[in-house]
Amino acid sequence: MANTELVADIRRALADHANPDKAEGMRAYMKSEMPYRGVQKPARRKLLNALLRAHPFDDKTSWQNTVFELWRNAEFREERYIALDIAGAPKCRPFRTLDTLPMFEEFVVTGAWWDYVDDIATHRLRELLEAYPGDMSGHMRSWSGDSDMWKRRSSIICQINRKDETDLDLLFDCIEPNLSHTDFFVRKGIGWALRSLAWTDLPTVENYVARNRNRMSALSAREALKNADKIRRAV
């Protein structure tokens, strides 16, 4: 079962640190239907670190159920942010095995917005990919053609900042079925992934964009080559 004391303390701490003046601005910026408490990231991290020290997890089941409780029953968006922070806590690294992928998949699909999805994809999915490259490569290729566009974006950006360790075949396999996708976030994701790769392999990115210019959106191409001149000057 979930660590109910930790969950209660998190919700109480968020209420105690609530800032209504900031809450509406945060909600408007994120275009969120779910309200905010107005507790910004530095304060959330500080209070969570203290609470995790007071309520350590004894096992994987308790950890995962606590994350699910905060995510599924959130009344304020910060509860979901903290759920993701607990899911990615360094001390919980041993719990993040391949069988936790369905949990992150649920969060991608039900979160369905860039603040959740990008954190999951560039941290949790990347971590699983590095630990289980064979299995995760297959999953990401499957996600790249999924009916859910947030899973598509996740598959494309899950190697952000892998630099020289980027699996180019996987990256291009995930981009390929999305080159003509019309959604802004998918197109932006393609550009972001290629822009990240460009810092370590600009020729490959330039060649890829040139070969696919007729199929790639102007947004994706522009984002992919955004830093090209700066990178060449740095060489």
Protein backbone atom coordinates (compact mmCIF):
# COMPACT_ATOMS: atom_id res chain seq x y z
CA MET A 1 0.00 0.00 0.00
CA ALA A 2 0.99 3.63 -0.31
CA ASN A 3 2.93 5.46 2.38
CA THR A 4 -0.16 7.27 3.62
CA GLU A 5 1.72 9.35 6.20
CA LEU A 6 4.05 10.69 3.52
CA VAL A 7 1.15 11.47 1.19
CA ALA A 8 -0.72 13.29 3.96
CA ASP A 9 2.39 15.26 4.94
CA ILE A 10 3.02 16.25 1.31
CA ARG A 11 -0.52 17.53 0.86
CA ARG A 12 -0.38 19.36 4.18
CA ALA A 13 2.99 20.94 3.33
CA LEU A 14 1.70 22.11 -0.05
CA ALA A 15 -1.31 23.69 1.64
CA ASP A 16 0.92 25.37 4.23
CA HIS A 17 3.19 26.83 1.53
CA ALA A 18 0.36 27.83 -0.81
CA ASN A 19 0.65 31.19 -2.54
CA PRO A 20 -2.66 32.12 -4.22
CA ASP A 21 -1.07 35.13 -5.92
CA LYS A 22 1.34 32.85 -7.80
CA ALA A 23 -1.12 30.00 -8.27
CA GLU A 24 -3.25 31.68 -10.90
CA GLY A 25 -0.24 32.81 -12.89
CA MET A 26 1.23 29.31 -12.86
CA ARG A 27 -2.10 27.86 -13.93
CA ALA A 28 -2.48 30.36 -16.76
CA TYR A 29 1.06 29.79 -18.03
CA MET A 30 0.56 26.02 -18.14
CA LYS A 31 -3.01 26.31 -19.48
CA SER A 32 -3.96 23.85 -16.76
CA GLU A 33 -7.48 22.75 -15.93
CA MET A 34 -6.14 21.45 -12.61
CA PRO A 35 -5.51 24.27 -10.11
CA TYR A 36 -2.16 25.10 -8.53
CA ARG A 37 -1.23 25.73 -4.93
CA GLY A 38 1.33 28.29 -6.06
CA VAL A 39 4.34 26.37 -4.67
CA GLN A 40 7.26 26.78 -7.06
CA LYS A 41 9.90 24.18 -7.84
CA PRO A 42 12.67 25.19 -5.38
CA ALA A 43 10.22 25.17 -2.46
CA ARG A 44 8.69 21.86 -3.58
CA ARG A 45 12.07 20.19 -3.81
CA LYS A 46 13.12 21.48 -0.39
CA LEU A 47 10.00 20.27 1.38
CA LEU A 48 10.02 16.93 -0.44
CA ASN A 49 13.66 16.22 0.45
CA ALA A 50 12.86 16.76 4.11
CA LEU A 51 9.76 14.56 3.96
CA LEU A 52 11.58 11.73 2.17
CA ARG A 53 14.20 11.72 4.91
CA ALA A 54 11.41 11.41 7.46
CA HIS A 55 9.50 8.78 5.48
CA PRO A 56 11.95 6.50 3.61
CA PHE A 57 10.55 3.72 1.44
CA ASP A 58 10.99 0.16 2.63
CA ASP A 59 10.15 -1.50 -0.67
CA LYS A 60 9.30 -0.95 -4.30
CA THR A 61 5.58 -1.61 -3.85
CA SER A 62 5.19 1.16 -1.28
CA TRP A 63 7.18 3.55 -3.49
CA GLN A 64 5.11 2.84 -6.58
CA ASN A 65 1.77 2.94 -4.78
CA THR A 66 2.69 6.28 -3.20
CA VAL A 67 3.55 7.70 -6.60
CA PHE A 68 0.25 6.40 -8.01
CA GLU A 69 -1.73 7.87 -5.09
CA LEU A 70 -0.27 11.32 -5.59
CA TRP A 71 -0.67 11.18 -9.35
CA ARG A 72 -4.10 9.60 -9.72
CA ASN A 73 -5.80 11.47 -6.89
CA ALA A 74 -4.13 14.86 -7.30
CA GLU A 75 -6.30 17.90 -6.73
CA PHE A 76 -3.48 20.35 -7.40
CA ARG A 77 -0.85 20.16 -10.12
CA GLU A 78 2.03 20.29 -7.64
CA GLU A 79 0.95 16.89 -6.31
CA ARG A 80 1.70 15.42 -9.73
CA TYR A 81 5.01 17.24 -9.90
CA ILE A 82 5.96 15.73 -6.56
CA ALA A 83 4.78 12.30 -7.72
CA LEU A 84 7.29 12.57 -10.59
CA ASP A 85 9.98 13.80 -8.19
CA ILE A 86 9.44 10.75 -5.98
CA ALA A 87 9.40 8.49 -9.02
CA GLY A 88 12.79 9.87 -10.00
CA ALA A 89 14.34 10.25 -6.55
CA PRO A 90 18.01 9.10 -6.50
CA LYS A 91 17.44 6.87 -3.47
CA CYS A 92 14.66 5.09 -5.40
CA ARG A 93 16.88 4.24 -8.36
CA PRO A 94 16.87 0.48 -7.57
CA PHE A 95 13.07 0.48 -7.91
CA ARG A 96 13.14 1.84 -11.47
CA THR A 97 13.37 -1.40 -13.40
CA LEU A 98 11.89 -2.26 -16.79
CA ASP A 99 8.58 -3.29 -15.24
CA THR A 100 7.99 0.33 -14.16
CA LEU A 101 7.62 1.41 -17.80
CA PRO A 102 3.81 0.95 -17.72
CA MET A 103 3.66 3.42 -14.83
CA PHE A 104 5.51 6.06 -16.81
CA GLU A 105 3.40 5.25 -19.87
CA GLU A 106 0.27 5.94 -17.81
CA PHE A 107 1.70 9.28 -16.71
CA VAL A 108 2.55 10.27 -20.29
CA VAL A 109 -0.93 9.41 -21.55
CA THR A 110 -2.95 10.83 -18.67
CA GLY A 111 -0.67 13.84 -18.11
CA ALA A 112 -0.86 14.75 -21.80
CA TRP A 113 1.04 18.02 -21.52
CA TRP A 114 4.64 19.03 -22.05
CA ASP A 115 5.59 19.78 -18.44
CA TYR A 116 4.88 16.19 -17.38
CA VAL A 117 5.82 14.43 -20.59
CA ASP A 118 9.17 16.09 -21.17
CA ASP A 119 10.34 15.37 -17.64
CA ILE A 120 9.36 11.72 -17.94
CA ALA A 121 10.82 11.24 -21.41
CA THR A 122 14.16 12.99 -20.93
CA HIS A 123 14.84 11.53 -17.49
CA ARG A 124 12.89 8.38 -16.70
CA LEU A 125 12.63 6.91 -20.20
CA ARG A 126 16.24 7.80 -20.95
CA GLU A 127 17.35 6.12 -17.74
CA LEU A 128 15.44 2.95 -18.63
CA LEU A 129 16.81 3.03 -22.17
CA GLU A 130 20.35 3.18 -20.87
CA ALA A 131 19.71 0.32 -18.45
CA TYR A 132 17.67 -1.87 -20.84
CA PRO A 133 18.66 -0.79 -24.37
CA GLY A 134 17.30 -3.82 -26.20
CA ASP A 135 13.86 -3.89 -24.60
CA MET A 136 13.43 -0.14 -24.45
CA SER A 137 14.45 0.37 -28.08
CA GLY A 138 11.61 -1.91 -29.08
CA HIS A 139 9.16 -0.07 -26.87
CA MET A 140 10.22 3.34 -28.16
CA ARG A 141 9.90 2.24 -31.78
CA SER A 142 6.39 1.06 -30.98
CA TRP A 143 5.55 4.34 -29.22
CA SER A 144 6.76 6.33 -32.23
CA GLY A 145 3.78 5.12 -34.25
CA ASP A 146 1.23 5.14 -31.44
CA SER A 147 -2.15 6.84 -31.75
CA ASP A 148 -1.23 8.95 -28.70
CA MET A 149 0.90 11.85 -29.87
CA TRP A 150 2.49 12.32 -26.44
CA LYS A 151 3.92 8.81 -26.66
CA ARG A 152 5.24 9.73 -30.08
CA ARG A 153 6.92 12.85 -28.69
CA SER A 154 8.34 10.83 -25.81
CA SER A 155 9.94 8.29 -28.14
CA ILE A 156 11.57 11.09 -30.13
CA ILE A 157 13.00 13.07 -27.21
CA CYS A 158 13.96 10.22 -24.87
CA GLN A 159 17.61 10.49 -25.96
CA ILE A 160 17.97 14.24 -25.34
CA ASN A 161 21.47 14.93 -23.94
CA ARG A 162 22.79 11.41 -24.54
CA LYS A 163 25.38 13.10 -26.78
CA ASP A 164 27.91 10.58 -28.15
CA GLU A 165 25.89 7.73 -26.68
CA THR A 166 22.85 8.55 -28.81
CA ASP A 167 21.55 5.52 -30.67
CA LEU A 168 21.20 7.11 -34.10
CA ASP A 169 19.27 4.22 -35.61
CA LEU A 170 16.72 4.43 -32.80
CA LEU A 171 16.47 8.21 -33.02
CA PHE A 172 15.85 8.25 -36.75
CA ASP A 173 13.50 5.27 -36.55
CA CYS A 174 11.38 7.20 -34.03
CA ILE A 175 11.47 10.40 -36.08
CA GLU A 176 10.67 8.71 -39.41
CA PRO A 177 6.95 7.96 -38.86
CA ASN A 178 6.48 11.48 -37.50
CA LEU A 179 8.13 13.61 -40.19
CA SER A 180 4.77 14.58 -41.66
CA HIS A 181 2.90 14.72 -38.35
CA THR A 182 0.90 17.92 -38.03
CA ASP A 183 0.97 18.35 -34.25
CA PHE A 184 3.09 21.23 -32.95
CA PHE A 185 4.57 19.26 -30.05
CA VAL A 186 5.61 16.35 -32.25
CA ARG A 187 7.23 18.72 -34.74
CA LYS A 188 8.92 20.66 -31.97
CA GLY A 189 10.11 17.40 -30.42
CA ILE A 190 11.80 16.37 -33.67
CA GLY A 191 13.60 19.69 -33.82
CA TRP A 192 14.64 19.51 -30.18
CA ALA A 193 16.02 15.99 -30.50
CA LEU A 194 18.04 16.88 -33.59
CA ARG A 195 19.24 20.17 -32.05
CA SER A 196 20.52 18.26 -29.03
CA LEU A 197 22.38 15.81 -31.27
CA ALA A 198 23.87 18.65 -33.31
CA TRP A 199 26.13 19.69 -30.43
CA THR A 200 28.07 16.46 -30.81
CA ASP A 201 27.33 15.48 -34.43
CA LEU A 202 26.34 18.49 -36.53
CA PRO A 203 27.21 16.90 -39.91
CA THR A 204 24.81 14.02 -39.29
CA VAL A 205 22.02 16.42 -38.36
CA GLU A 206 22.62 18.69 -41.34
CA ASN A 207 22.69 15.71 -43.68
CA TYR A 208 19.50 14.30 -42.19
CA VAL A 209 17.65 17.60 -42.51
CA ALA A 210 18.85 18.07 -46.09
CA ARG A 211 17.71 14.58 -47.11
CA ASN A 212 14.30 14.98 -45.49
CA ARG A 213 13.60 18.68 -46.09
CA ASN A 214 10.62 17.94 -48.34
CA ARG A 215 8.96 15.78 -45.69
CA MET A 216 10.01 17.68 -42.57
CA SER A 217 8.09 20.67 -41.26
CA ALA A 218 9.78 24.05 -41.40
CA LEU A 219 9.51 24.17 -37.59
CA SER A 220 11.42 20.90 -37.15
CA ALA A 221 14.13 21.90 -39.61
CA ARG A 222 14.53 25.36 -38.10
CA GLU A 223 14.79 24.00 -34.56
CA ALA A 224 17.21 21.26 -35.62
CA LEU A 225 19.69 23.74 -37.14
CA LYS A 226 19.10 26.58 -34.68
CA ASN A 227 22.61 26.41 -33.20
CA ALA A 228 24.50 25.31 -36.31
CA ASP A 229 26.46 28.55 -36.78
CA LYS A 230 27.32 28.73 -33.09
CA ILE A 231 28.53 25.12 -33.13
CA ARG A 232 30.74 25.71 -36.20
CA ARG A 233 32.29 28.79 -34.60
CA ALA A 234 33.09 26.78 -31.48
CA VAL A 235 35.04 24.12 -33.38
